């Protein structure tokens, strides 16, 4: 709720949640969310 824009990505470990699944959850709270699996690309989007 405190974020204006959210970029979702996936940590590089087997236990990580996919960026798409995480984005779906966030979308219920804040619609300004973008999913990007690559951490490098997610940083660029930020």
ModelCIF file with pLDDT and N, C-alpha, C, O atoms, coordinates in Angstrom:
data_MODEL
#
_entry.id   MODEL 
#
_entity.id                         1 
_entity.type                       polymer 
_entity.pdbx_number_of_molecules   1 
#
_entity_poly.entity_id                      1 
_entity_poly.type                           'polypeptide(L)' 
_entity_poly.nstd_linkage                   no 
_entity_poly.nstd_monomer                   no 
_entity_poly.pdbx_seq_one_letter_code       
;(UNK)(UNK)(UNK)(UNK)(UNK)(UNK)(UNK)(UNK)(UNK)(UNK)(UNK)(UNK)(UNK)(UNK)(UNK)(UNK)
(UNK)(UNK)(UNK)(UNK)(UNK)(UNK)(UNK)(UNK)(UNK)(UNK)(UNK)(UNK)(UNK)(UNK)(UNK)(UNK)
(UNK)(UNK)(UNK)(UNK)(UNK)(UNK)(UNK)(UNK)(UNK)(UNK)(UNK)(UNK)(UNK)(UNK)
;
_entity_poly.pdbx_seq_one_letter_code_can   XXXXXXXXXXXXXXXXXXXXXXXXXXXXXXXXXXXXXXXXXXXXXX 
_entity_poly.pdbx_strand_id                 A 
#
loop_
_entity_poly_seq.entity_id 
_entity_poly_seq.num 
_entity_poly_seq.mon_id 
_entity_poly_seq.hetero 
1 1  UNK n 
1 2  UNK n 
1 3  UNK n 
1 4  UNK n 
1 5  UNK n 
1 6  UNK n 
1 7  UNK n 
1 8  UNK n 
1 9  UNK n 
1 10 UNK n 
1 11 UNK n 
1 12 UNK n 
1 13 UNK n 
1 14 UNK n 
1 15 UNK n 
1 16 UNK n 
1 17 UNK n 
1 18 UNK n 
1 19 UNK n 
1 20 UNK n 
1 21 UNK n 
1 22 UNK n 
1 23 UNK n 
1 24 UNK n 
1 25 UNK n 
1 26 UNK n 
1 27 UNK n 
1 28 UNK n 
1 29 UNK n 
1 30 UNK n 
1 31 UNK n 
1 32 UNK n 
1 33 UNK n 
1 34 UNK n 
1 35 UNK n 
1 36 UNK n 
1 37 UNK n 
1 38 UNK n 
1 39 UNK n 
1 40 UNK n 
1 41 UNK n 
1 42 UNK n 
1 43 UNK n 
1 44 UNK n 
1 45 UNK n 
1 46 UNK n 
#
_struct_asym.id          A 
_struct_asym.entity_id   1 
#
loop_
_ma_qa_metric.id 
_ma_qa_metric.mode 
_ma_qa_metric.name 
_ma_qa_metric.software_group_id 
_ma_qa_metric.type 
1 global pLDDT . pLDDT 
2 local  pLDDT . pLDDT 
#
_ma_qa_metric_global.metric_id      1 
_ma_qa_metric_global.metric_value   92.54 
_ma_qa_metric_global.model_id       1 
_ma_qa_metric_global.ordinal_id     1 
#
loop_
_ma_qa_metric_local.label_asym_id 
_ma_qa_metric_local.label_comp_id 
_ma_qa_metric_local.label_seq_id 
_ma_qa_metric_local.metric_id 
_ma_qa_metric_local.metric_value 
_ma_qa_metric_local.model_id 
_ma_qa_metric_local.ordinal_id 
A UNK 1  2 94.00 1 1  
A UNK 2  2 94.00 1 2  
A UNK 3  2 95.00 1 3  
A UNK 4  2 95.00 1 4  
A UNK 5  2 95.00 1 5  
A UNK 6  2 96.00 1 6  
A UNK 7  2 97.00 1 7  
A UNK 8  2 95.00 1 8  
A UNK 9  2 96.00 1 9  
A UNK 10 2 94.00 1 10 
A UNK 11 2 91.00 1 11 
A UNK 12 2 89.00 1 12 
A UNK 13 2 85.00 1 13 
A UNK 14 2 84.00 1 14 
A UNK 15 2 84.00 1 15 
A UNK 16 2 90.00 1 16 
A UNK 17 2 92.00 1 17 
A UNK 18 2 92.00 1 18 
A UNK 19 2 93.00 1 19 
A UNK 20 2 93.00 1 20 
A UNK 21 2 93.00 1 21 
A UNK 22 2 94.00 1 22 
A UNK 23 2 94.00 1 23 
A UNK 24 2 94.00 1 24 
A UNK 25 2 93.00 1 25 
A UNK 26 2 94.00 1 26 
A UNK 27 2 90.00 1 27 
A UNK 28 2 90.00 1 28 
A UNK 29 2 91.00 1 29 
A UNK 30 2 82.00 1 30 
A UNK 31 2 85.00 1 31 
A UNK 32 2 89.00 1 32 
A UNK 33 2 93.00 1 33 
A UNK 34 2 94.00 1 34 
A UNK 35 2 94.00 1 35 
A UNK 36 2 93.00 1 36 
A UNK 37 2 92.00 1 37 
A UNK 38 2 94.00 1 38 
A UNK 39 2 95.00 1 39 
A UNK 40 2 95.00 1 40 
A UNK 41 2 95.00 1 41 
A UNK 42 2 96.00 1 42 
A UNK 43 2 96.00 1 43 
A UNK 44 2 95.00 1 44 
A UNK 45 2 96.00 1 45 
A UNK 46 2 96.00 1 46 
#
loop_
_atom_site.group_PDB 
_atom_site.id 
_atom_site.type_symbol 
_atom_site.label_atom_id 
_atom_site.label_alt_id 
_atom_site.label_comp_id 
_atom_site.label_asym_id 
_atom_site.label_entity_id 
_atom_site.label_seq_id 
_atom_site.pdbx_PDB_ins_code 
_atom_site.Cartn_x 
_atom_site.Cartn_y 
_atom_site.Cartn_z 
_atom_site.occupancy 
_atom_site.B_iso_or_equiv 
_atom_site.pdbx_formal_charge 
_atom_site.auth_seq_id 
_atom_site.auth_comp_id 
_atom_site.auth_asym_id 
_atom_site.auth_atom_id 
_atom_site.pdbx_PDB_model_num 
ATOM 1   N N  . UNK A 1 1  ? 0.801  -1.237  0.000   1.00 94.00 ? 1  UNK A N  1 
ATOM 2   C CA . UNK A 1 1  ? 0.000  0.000   0.000   1.00 94.00 ? 1  UNK A CA 1 
ATOM 3   C C  . UNK A 1 1  ? 0.832  1.284   0.000   1.00 94.00 ? 1  UNK A C  1 
ATOM 4   O O  . UNK A 1 1  ? 0.315  2.352   -0.329  1.00 94.00 ? 1  UNK A O  1 
ATOM 5   N N  . UNK A 1 2  ? 2.108  1.191   0.364   1.00 94.00 ? 2  UNK A N  1 
ATOM 6   C CA . UNK A 1 2  ? 2.948  2.391   0.449   1.00 94.00 ? 2  UNK A CA 1 
ATOM 7   C C  . UNK A 1 2  ? 3.697  2.682   -0.852  1.00 94.00 ? 2  UNK A C  1 
ATOM 8   O O  . UNK A 1 2  ? 4.344  3.722   -0.979  1.00 94.00 ? 2  UNK A O  1 
ATOM 9   N N  . UNK A 1 3  ? 3.609  1.759   -1.821  1.00 95.00 ? 3  UNK A N  1 
ATOM 10  C CA . UNK A 1 3  ? 4.357  1.926   -3.070  1.00 95.00 ? 3  UNK A CA 1 
ATOM 11  C C  . UNK A 1 3  ? 3.496  2.595   -4.141  1.00 95.00 ? 3  UNK A C  1 
ATOM 12  O O  . UNK A 1 3  ? 2.288  2.371   -4.224  1.00 95.00 ? 3  UNK A O  1 
ATOM 13  N N  . UNK A 1 4  ? 4.154  3.426   -4.960  1.00 95.00 ? 4  UNK A N  1 
ATOM 14  C CA . UNK A 1 4  ? 3.469  4.064   -6.088  1.00 95.00 ? 4  UNK A CA 1 
ATOM 15  C C  . UNK A 1 4  ? 3.568  3.205   -7.349  1.00 95.00 ? 4  UNK A C  1 
ATOM 16  O O  . UNK A 1 4  ? 2.609  3.088   -8.111  1.00 95.00 ? 4  UNK A O  1 
ATOM 17  N N  . UNK A 1 5  ? 4.726  2.616   -7.552  1.00 95.00 ? 5  UNK A N  1 
ATOM 18  C CA . UNK A 1 5  ? 4.931  1.699   -8.686  1.00 95.00 ? 5  UNK A CA 1 
ATOM 19  C C  . UNK A 1 5  ? 5.633  0.446   -8.170  1.00 95.00 ? 5  UNK A C  1 
ATOM 20  O O  . UNK A 1 5  ? 6.519  0.531   -7.320  1.00 95.00 ? 5  UNK A O  1 
ATOM 21  N N  . UNK A 1 6  ? 5.237  -0.712  -8.682  1.00 96.00 ? 6  UNK A N  1 
ATOM 22  C CA . UNK A 1 6  ? 5.830  -1.966  -8.216  1.00 96.00 ? 6  UNK A CA 1 
ATOM 23  C C  . UNK A 1 6  ? 6.327  -2.763  -9.413  1.00 96.00 ? 6  UNK A C  1 
ATOM 24  O O  . UNK A 1 6  ? 5.590  -3.006  -10.368 1.00 96.00 ? 6  UNK A O  1 
ATOM 25  N N  . UNK A 1 7  ? 7.594  -3.164  -9.340  1.00 97.00 ? 7  UNK A N  1 
ATOM 26  C CA . UNK A 1 7  ? 8.163  -4.068  -10.339 1.00 97.00 ? 7  UNK A CA 1 
ATOM 27  C C  . UNK A 1 7  ? 8.469  -5.376  -9.622  1.00 97.00 ? 7  UNK A C  1 
ATOM 28  O O  . UNK A 1 7  ? 9.195  -5.396  -8.627  1.00 97.00 ? 7  UNK A O  1 
ATOM 29  N N  . UNK A 1 8  ? 7.912  -6.461  -10.134 1.00 95.00 ? 8  UNK A N  1 
ATOM 30  C CA . UNK A 1 8  ? 8.047  -7.768  -9.500  1.00 95.00 ? 8  UNK A CA 1 
ATOM 31  C C  . UNK A 1 8  ? 9.040  -8.614  -10.282 1.00 95.00 ? 8  UNK A C  1 
ATOM 32  O O  . UNK A 1 8  ? 8.997  -8.659  -11.512 1.00 95.00 ? 8  UNK A O  1 
ATOM 33  N N  . UNK A 1 9  ? 9.944  -9.291  -9.557  1.00 96.00 ? 9  UNK A N  1 
ATOM 34  C CA . UNK A 1 9  ? 10.899 -10.178 -10.217 1.00 96.00 ? 9  UNK A CA 1 
ATOM 35  C C  . UNK A 1 9  ? 11.054 -11.454 -9.404  1.00 96.00 ? 9  UNK A C  1 
ATOM 36  O O  . UNK A 1 9  ? 10.343 -11.667 -8.421  1.00 96.00 ? 9  UNK A O  1 
ATOM 37  N N  . UNK A 1 10 ? 11.994 -12.305 -9.825  1.00 94.00 ? 10 UNK A N  1 
ATOM 38  C CA . UNK A 1 10 ? 12.138 -13.619 -9.176  1.00 94.00 ? 10 UNK A CA 1 
ATOM 39  C C  . UNK A 1 10 ? 13.573 -13.817 -8.683  1.00 94.00 ? 10 UNK A C  1 
ATOM 40  O O  . UNK A 1 10 ? 14.509 -13.790 -9.483  1.00 94.00 ? 10 UNK A O  1 
ATOM 41  N N  . UNK A 1 11 ? 13.757 -14.018 -7.369  1.00 91.00 ? 11 UNK A N  1 
ATOM 42  C CA . UNK A 1 11 ? 15.102 -14.338 -6.863  1.00 91.00 ? 11 UNK A CA 1 
ATOM 43  C C  . UNK A 1 11 ? 15.624 -15.623 -7.512  1.00 91.00 ? 11 UNK A C  1 
ATOM 44  O O  . UNK A 1 11 ? 14.843 -16.498 -7.884  1.00 91.00 ? 11 UNK A O  1 
ATOM 45  N N  . UNK A 1 12 ? 16.944 -15.729 -7.642  1.00 89.00 ? 12 UNK A N  1 
ATOM 46  C CA . UNK A 1 12 ? 17.536 -16.877 -8.343  1.00 89.00 ? 12 UNK A CA 1 
ATOM 47  C C  . UNK A 1 12 ? 17.804 -18.042 -7.391  1.00 89.00 ? 12 UNK A C  1 
ATOM 48  O O  . UNK A 1 12 ? 18.946 -18.468 -7.217  1.00 89.00 ? 12 UNK A O  1 
ATOM 49  N N  . UNK A 1 13 ? 16.745 -18.543 -6.786  1.00 85.00 ? 13 UNK A N  1 
ATOM 50  C CA . UNK A 1 13 ? 16.841 -19.726 -5.923  1.00 85.00 ? 13 UNK A CA 1 
ATOM 51  C C  . UNK A 1 13 ? 15.621 -20.611 -6.183  1.00 85.00 ? 13 UNK A C  1 
ATOM 52  O O  . UNK A 1 13 ? 14.571 -20.103 -6.576  1.00 85.00 ? 13 UNK A O  1 
ATOM 53  N N  . UNK A 1 14 ? 15.741 -21.928 -5.971  1.00 84.00 ? 14 UNK A N  1 
ATOM 54  C CA . UNK A 1 14 ? 14.621 -22.826 -6.253  1.00 84.00 ? 14 UNK A CA 1 
ATOM 55  C C  . UNK A 1 14 ? 13.344 -22.510 -5.477  1.00 84.00 ? 14 UNK A C  1 
ATOM 56  O O  . UNK A 1 14 ? 12.244 -22.784 -5.956  1.00 84.00 ? 14 UNK A O  1 
ATOM 57  N N  . UNK A 1 15 ? 13.484 -21.933 -4.276  1.00 84.00 ? 15 UNK A N  1 
ATOM 58  C CA . UNK A 1 15 ? 12.305 -21.660 -3.432  1.00 84.00 ? 15 UNK A CA 1 
ATOM 59  C C  . UNK A 1 15 ? 11.565 -20.395 -3.854  1.00 84.00 ? 15 UNK A C  1 
ATOM 60  O O  . UNK A 1 15 ? 10.560 -20.043 -3.236  1.00 84.00 ? 15 UNK A O  1 
ATOM 61  N N  . UNK A 1 16 ? 12.031 -19.713 -4.878  1.00 90.00 ? 16 UNK A N  1 
ATOM 62  C CA . UNK A 1 16 ? 11.450 -18.421 -5.258  1.00 90.00 ? 16 UNK A CA 1 
ATOM 63  C C  . UNK A 1 16 ? 10.055 -18.573 -5.863  1.00 90.00 ? 16 UNK A C  1 
ATOM 64  O O  . UNK A 1 16 ? 9.763  -19.546 -6.558  1.00 90.00 ? 16 UNK A O  1 
ATOM 65  N N  . UNK A 1 17 ? 9.211  -17.596 -5.583  1.00 92.00 ? 17 UNK A N  1 
ATOM 66  C CA . UNK A 1 17 ? 7.898  -17.514 -6.218  1.00 92.00 ? 17 UNK A CA 1 
ATOM 67  C C  . UNK A 1 17 ? 8.070  -16.873 -7.588  1.00 92.00 ? 17 UNK A C  1 
ATOM 68  O O  . UNK A 1 17 ? 8.849  -15.931 -7.732  1.00 92.00 ? 17 UNK A O  1 
ATOM 69  N N  . UNK A 1 18 ? 7.363  -17.363 -8.588  1.00 92.00 ? 18 UNK A N  1 
ATOM 70  C CA . UNK A 1 18 ? 7.477  -16.786 -9.930  1.00 92.00 ? 18 UNK A CA 1 
ATOM 71  C C  . UNK A 1 18 ? 6.974  -15.341 -9.903  1.00 92.00 ? 18 UNK A C  1 
ATOM 72  O O  . UNK A 1 18 ? 6.105  -14.985 -9.106  1.00 92.00 ? 18 UNK A O  1 
ATOM 73  N N  . UNK A 1 19 ? 7.536  -14.524 -10.784 1.00 93.00 ? 19 UNK A N  1 
ATOM 74  C CA . UNK A 1 19 ? 7.140  -13.113 -10.808 1.00 93.00 ? 19 UNK A CA 1 
ATOM 75  C C  . UNK A 1 19 ? 5.667  -12.968 -11.188 1.00 93.00 ? 19 UNK A C  1 
ATOM 76  O O  . UNK A 1 19 ? 4.992  -12.056 -10.713 1.00 93.00 ? 19 UNK A O  1 
ATOM 77  N N  . UNK A 1 20 ? 5.165  -13.864 -12.044 1.00 93.00 ? 20 UNK A N  1 
ATOM 78  C CA . UNK A 1 20 ? 3.748  -13.775 -12.454 1.00 93.00 ? 20 UNK A CA 1 
ATOM 79  C C  . UNK A 1 20 ? 2.815  -14.084 -11.278 1.00 93.00 ? 20 UNK A C  1 
ATOM 80  O O  . UNK A 1 20 ? 1.818  -13.391 -11.074 1.00 93.00 ? 20 UNK A O  1 
ATOM 81  N N  . UNK A 1 21 ? 3.140  -15.117 -10.513 1.00 93.00 ? 21 UNK A N  1 
ATOM 82  C CA . UNK A 1 21 ? 2.304  -15.467 -9.352  1.00 93.00 ? 21 UNK A CA 1 
ATOM 83  C C  . UNK A 1 21 ? 2.315  -14.359 -8.306  1.00 93.00 ? 21 UNK A C  1 
ATOM 84  O O  . UNK A 1 21 ? 1.288  -14.039 -7.708  1.00 93.00 ? 21 UNK A O  1 
ATOM 85  N N  . UNK A 1 22 ? 3.503  -13.776 -8.096  1.00 94.00 ? 22 UNK A N  1 
ATOM 86  C CA . UNK A 1 22 ? 3.613  -12.690 -7.121  1.00 94.00 ? 22 UNK A CA 1 
ATOM 87  C C  . UNK A 1 22 ? 2.852  -11.451 -7.602  1.00 94.00 ? 22 UNK A C  1 
ATOM 88  O O  . UNK A 1 22 ? 2.198  -10.770 -6.812  1.00 94.00 ? 22 UNK A O  1 
ATOM 89  N N  . UNK A 1 23 ? 2.945  -11.172 -8.896  1.00 94.00 ? 23 UNK A N  1 
ATOM 90  C CA . UNK A 1 23 ? 2.236  -10.012 -9.461  1.00 94.00 ? 23 UNK A CA 1 
ATOM 91  C C  . UNK A 1 23 ? 0.726  -10.154 -9.306  1.00 94.00 ? 23 UNK A C  1 
ATOM 92  O O  . UNK A 1 23 ? 0.029  -9.174  -9.044  1.00 94.00 ? 23 UNK A O  1 
ATOM 93  N N  . UNK A 1 24 ? 0.219  -11.381 -9.470  1.00 94.00 ? 24 UNK A N  1 
ATOM 94  C CA . UNK A 1 24 ? -1.229 -11.614 -9.294  1.00 94.00 ? 24 UNK A CA 1 
ATOM 95  C C  . UNK A 1 24 ? -1.677 -11.258 -7.884  1.00 94.00 ? 24 UNK A C  1 
ATOM 96  O O  . UNK A 1 24 ? -2.727 -10.646 -7.691  1.00 94.00 ? 24 UNK A O  1 
ATOM 97  N N  . UNK A 1 25 ? -0.877 -11.642 -6.911  1.00 93.00 ? 25 UNK A N  1 
ATOM 98  C CA . UNK A 1 25 ? -1.209 -11.340 -5.514  1.00 93.00 ? 25 UNK A CA 1 
ATOM 99  C C  . UNK A 1 25 ? -1.186 -9.830  -5.262  1.00 93.00 ? 25 UNK A C  1 
ATOM 100 O O  . UNK A 1 25 ? -2.073 -9.280  -4.609  1.00 93.00 ? 25 UNK A O  1 
ATOM 101 N N  . UNK A 1 26 ? -0.152 -9.176  -5.793  1.00 94.00 ? 26 UNK A N  1 
ATOM 102 C CA . UNK A 1 26 ? 0.002  -7.729  -5.580  1.00 94.00 ? 26 UNK A CA 1 
ATOM 103 C C  . UNK A 1 26 ? -1.110 -6.955  -6.267  1.00 94.00 ? 26 UNK A C  1 
ATOM 104 O O  . UNK A 1 26 ? -1.567 -5.933  -5.755  1.00 94.00 ? 26 UNK A O  1 
ATOM 105 N N  . UNK A 1 27 ? -1.546 -7.435  -7.423  1.00 90.00 ? 27 UNK A N  1 
ATOM 106 C CA . UNK A 1 27 ? -2.571 -6.756  -8.205  1.00 90.00 ? 27 UNK A CA 1 
ATOM 107 C C  . UNK A 1 27 ? -3.878 -6.574  -7.429  1.00 90.00 ? 27 UNK A C  1 
ATOM 108 O O  . UNK A 1 27 ? -4.648 -5.655  -7.710  1.00 90.00 ? 27 UNK A O  1 
ATOM 109 N N  . UNK A 1 28 ? -4.123 -7.448  -6.456  1.00 90.00 ? 28 UNK A N  1 
ATOM 110 C CA . UNK A 1 28 ? -5.324 -7.314  -5.627  1.00 90.00 ? 28 UNK A CA 1 
ATOM 111 C C  . UNK A 1 28 ? -5.228 -6.122  -4.673  1.00 90.00 ? 28 UNK A C  1 
ATOM 112 O O  . UNK A 1 28 ? -6.243 -5.622  -4.189  1.00 90.00 ? 28 UNK A O  1 
ATOM 113 N N  . UNK A 1 29 ? -3.988 -5.669  -4.406  1.00 91.00 ? 29 UNK A N  1 
ATOM 114 C CA . UNK A 1 29 ? -3.782 -4.547  -3.479  1.00 91.00 ? 29 UNK A CA 1 
ATOM 115 C C  . UNK A 1 29 ? -3.471 -3.258  -4.229  1.00 91.00 ? 29 UNK A C  1 
ATOM 116 O O  . UNK A 1 29 ? -3.945 -2.181  -3.867  1.00 91.00 ? 29 UNK A O  1 
ATOM 117 N N  . UNK A 1 30 ? -2.668 -3.387  -5.280  1.00 82.00 ? 30 UNK A N  1 
ATOM 118 C CA . UNK A 1 30 ? -2.206 -2.215  -6.022  1.00 82.00 ? 30 UNK A CA 1 
ATOM 119 C C  . UNK A 1 30 ? -2.040 -2.611  -7.490  1.00 82.00 ? 30 UNK A C  1 
ATOM 120 O O  . UNK A 1 30 ? -1.265 -3.512  -7.809  1.00 82.00 ? 30 UNK A O  1 
ATOM 121 N N  . UNK A 1 31 ? -2.771 -1.933  -8.382  1.00 85.00 ? 31 UNK A N  1 
ATOM 122 C CA . UNK A 1 31 ? -2.777 -2.321  -9.799  1.00 85.00 ? 31 UNK A CA 1 
ATOM 123 C C  . UNK A 1 31 ? -1.554 -1.816  -10.575 1.00 85.00 ? 31 UNK A C  1 
ATOM 124 O O  . UNK A 1 31 ? -1.345 -2.209  -11.723 1.00 85.00 ? 31 UNK A O  1 
ATOM 125 N N  . UNK A 1 32 ? -0.745 -0.946  -9.952  1.00 89.00 ? 32 UNK A N  1 
ATOM 126 C CA . UNK A 1 32 ? 0.427  -0.405  -10.661 1.00 89.00 ? 32 UNK A CA 1 
ATOM 127 C C  . UNK A 1 32 ? 1.604  -1.368  -10.527 1.00 89.00 ? 32 UNK A C  1 
ATOM 128 O O  . UNK A 1 32 ? 2.647  -1.034  -9.965  1.00 89.00 ? 32 UNK A O  1 
ATOM 129 N N  . UNK A 1 33 ? 1.405  -2.563  -11.057 1.00 93.00 ? 33 UNK A N  1 
ATOM 130 C CA . UNK A 1 33 ? 2.414  -3.609  -10.910 1.00 93.00 ? 33 UNK A CA 1 
ATOM 131 C C  . UNK A 1 33 ? 2.811  -4.153  -12.279 1.00 93.00 ? 33 UNK A C  1 
ATOM 132 O O  . UNK A 1 33 ? 1.971  -4.371  -13.152 1.00 93.00 ? 33 UNK A O  1 
ATOM 133 N N  . UNK A 1 34 ? 4.126  -4.368  -12.442 1.00 94.00 ? 34 UNK A N  1 
ATOM 134 C CA . UNK A 1 34 ? 4.680  -4.924  -13.681 1.00 94.00 ? 34 UNK A CA 1 
ATOM 135 C C  . UNK A 1 34 ? 5.523  -6.129  -13.304 1.00 94.00 ? 34 UNK A C  1 
ATOM 136 O O  . UNK A 1 34 ? 6.285  -6.085  -12.338 1.00 94.00 ? 34 UNK A O  1 
ATOM 137 N N  . UNK A 1 35 ? 5.383  -7.216  -14.077 1.00 94.00 ? 35 UNK A N  1 
ATOM 138 C CA . UNK A 1 35 ? 6.132  -8.441  -13.809 1.00 94.00 ? 35 UNK A CA 1 
ATOM 139 C C  . UNK A 1 35 ? 7.299  -8.573  -14.782 1.00 94.00 ? 35 UNK A C  1 
ATOM 140 O O  . UNK A 1 35 ? 7.140  -8.396  -15.990 1.00 94.00 ? 35 UNK A O  1 
ATOM 141 N N  . UNK A 1 36 ? 8.478  -8.886  -14.236 1.00 93.00 ? 36 UNK A N  1 
ATOM 142 C CA . UNK A 1 36 ? 9.668  -9.088  -15.070 1.00 93.00 ? 36 UNK A CA 1 
ATOM 143 C C  . UNK A 1 36 ? 10.560 -10.132 -14.393 1.00 93.00 ? 36 UNK A C  1 
ATOM 144 O O  . UNK A 1 36 ? 11.181 -9.862  -13.365 1.00 93.00 ? 36 UNK A O  1 
ATOM 145 N N  . UNK A 1 37 ? 10.611 -11.328 -14.990 1.00 92.00 ? 37 UNK A N  1 
ATOM 146 C CA . UNK A 1 37 ? 11.352 -12.454 -14.386 1.00 92.00 ? 37 UNK A CA 1 
ATOM 147 C C  . UNK A 1 37 ? 12.849 -12.164 -14.246 1.00 92.00 ? 37 UNK A C  1 
ATOM 148 O O  . UNK A 1 37 ? 13.472 -12.580 -13.269 1.00 92.00 ? 37 UNK A O  1 
ATOM 149 N N  . UNK A 1 38 ? 13.422 -11.458 -15.214 1.00 94.00 ? 38 UNK A N  1 
ATOM 150 C CA . UNK A 1 38 ? 14.860 -11.153 -15.193 1.00 94.00 ? 38 UNK A CA 1 
ATOM 151 C C  . UNK A 1 38 ? 15.143 -10.014 -14.202 1.00 94.00 ? 38 UNK A C  1 
ATOM 152 O O  . UNK A 1 38 ? 14.539 -8.945  -14.291 1.00 94.00 ? 38 UNK A O  1 
ATOM 153 N N  . UNK A 1 39 ? 16.059 -10.251 -13.265 1.00 95.00 ? 39 UNK A N  1 
ATOM 154 C CA . UNK A 1 39 ? 16.408 -9.212  -12.281 1.00 95.00 ? 39 UNK A CA 1 
ATOM 155 C C  . UNK A 1 39 ? 17.051 -8.020  -12.979 1.00 95.00 ? 39 UNK A C  1 
ATOM 156 O O  . UNK A 1 39 ? 16.787 -6.871  -12.622 1.00 95.00 ? 39 UNK A O  1 
ATOM 157 N N  . UNK A 1 40 ? 17.901 -8.293  -13.983 1.00 95.00 ? 40 UNK A N  1 
ATOM 158 C CA . UNK A 1 40 ? 18.554 -7.192  -14.718 1.00 95.00 ? 40 UNK A CA 1 
ATOM 159 C C  . UNK A 1 40 ? 17.517 -6.284  -15.380 1.00 95.00 ? 40 UNK A C  1 
ATOM 160 O O  . UNK A 1 40 ? 17.611 -5.059  -15.303 1.00 95.00 ? 40 UNK A O  1 
ATOM 161 N N  . UNK A 1 41 ? 16.530 -6.899  -16.029 1.00 95.00 ? 41 UNK A N  1 
ATOM 162 C CA . UNK A 1 41 ? 15.488 -6.112  -16.687 1.00 95.00 ? 41 UNK A CA 1 
ATOM 163 C C  . UNK A 1 41 ? 14.605 -5.395  -15.682 1.00 95.00 ? 41 UNK A C  1 
ATOM 164 O O  . UNK A 1 41 ? 14.155 -4.276  -15.927 1.00 95.00 ? 41 UNK A O  1 
ATOM 165 N N  . UNK A 1 42 ? 14.358 -6.040  -14.549 1.00 96.00 ? 42 UNK A N  1 
ATOM 166 C CA . UNK A 1 42 ? 13.535 -5.412  -13.497 1.00 96.00 ? 42 UNK A CA 1 
ATOM 167 C C  . UNK A 1 42 ? 14.215 -4.154  -12.963 1.00 96.00 ? 42 UNK A C  1 
ATOM 168 O O  . UNK A 1 42 ? 13.554 -3.147  -12.712 1.00 96.00 ? 42 UNK A O  1 
ATOM 169 N N  . UNK A 1 43 ? 15.527 -4.214  -12.790 1.00 96.00 ? 43 UNK A N  1 
ATOM 170 C CA . UNK A 1 43 ? 16.280 -3.029  -12.341 1.00 96.00 ? 43 UNK A CA 1 
ATOM 171 C C  . UNK A 1 43 ? 16.173 -1.922  -13.391 1.00 96.00 ? 43 UNK A C  1 
ATOM 172 O O  . UNK A 1 43 ? 15.970 -0.755  -13.056 1.00 96.00 ? 43 UNK A O  1 
ATOM 173 N N  . UNK A 1 44 ? 16.312 -2.302  -14.669 1.00 95.00 ? 44 UNK A N  1 
ATOM 174 C CA . UNK A 1 44 ? 16.197 -1.311  -15.757 1.00 95.00 ? 44 UNK A CA 1 
ATOM 175 C C  . UNK A 1 44 ? 14.826 -0.632  -15.730 1.00 95.00 ? 44 UNK A C  1 
ATOM 176 O O  . UNK A 1 44 ? 14.728 0.580   -15.919 1.00 95.00 ? 44 UNK A O  1 
ATOM 177 N N  . UNK A 1 45 ? 13.761 -1.418  -15.494 1.00 96.00 ? 45 UNK A N  1 
ATOM 178 C CA . UNK A 1 45 ? 12.407 -0.846  -15.414 1.00 96.00 ? 45 UNK A CA 1 
ATOM 179 C C  . UNK A 1 45 ? 12.300 0.148   -14.262 1.00 96.00 ? 45 UNK A C  1 
ATOM 180 O O  . UNK A 1 45 ? 11.670 1.196   -14.402 1.00 96.00 ? 45 UNK A O  1 
ATOM 181 N N  . UNK A 1 46 ? 12.909 -0.174  -13.133 1.00 96.00 ? 46 UNK A N  1 
ATOM 182 C CA . UNK A 1 46 ? 12.906 0.754   -11.987 1.00 96.00 ? 46 UNK A CA 1 
ATOM 183 C C  . UNK A 1 46 ? 13.586 2.065   -12.356 1.00 96.00 ? 46 UNK A C  1 
ATOM 184 O O  . UNK A 1 46 ? 13.680 2.967   -11.524 1.00 96.00 ? 46 UNK A O  1 
#
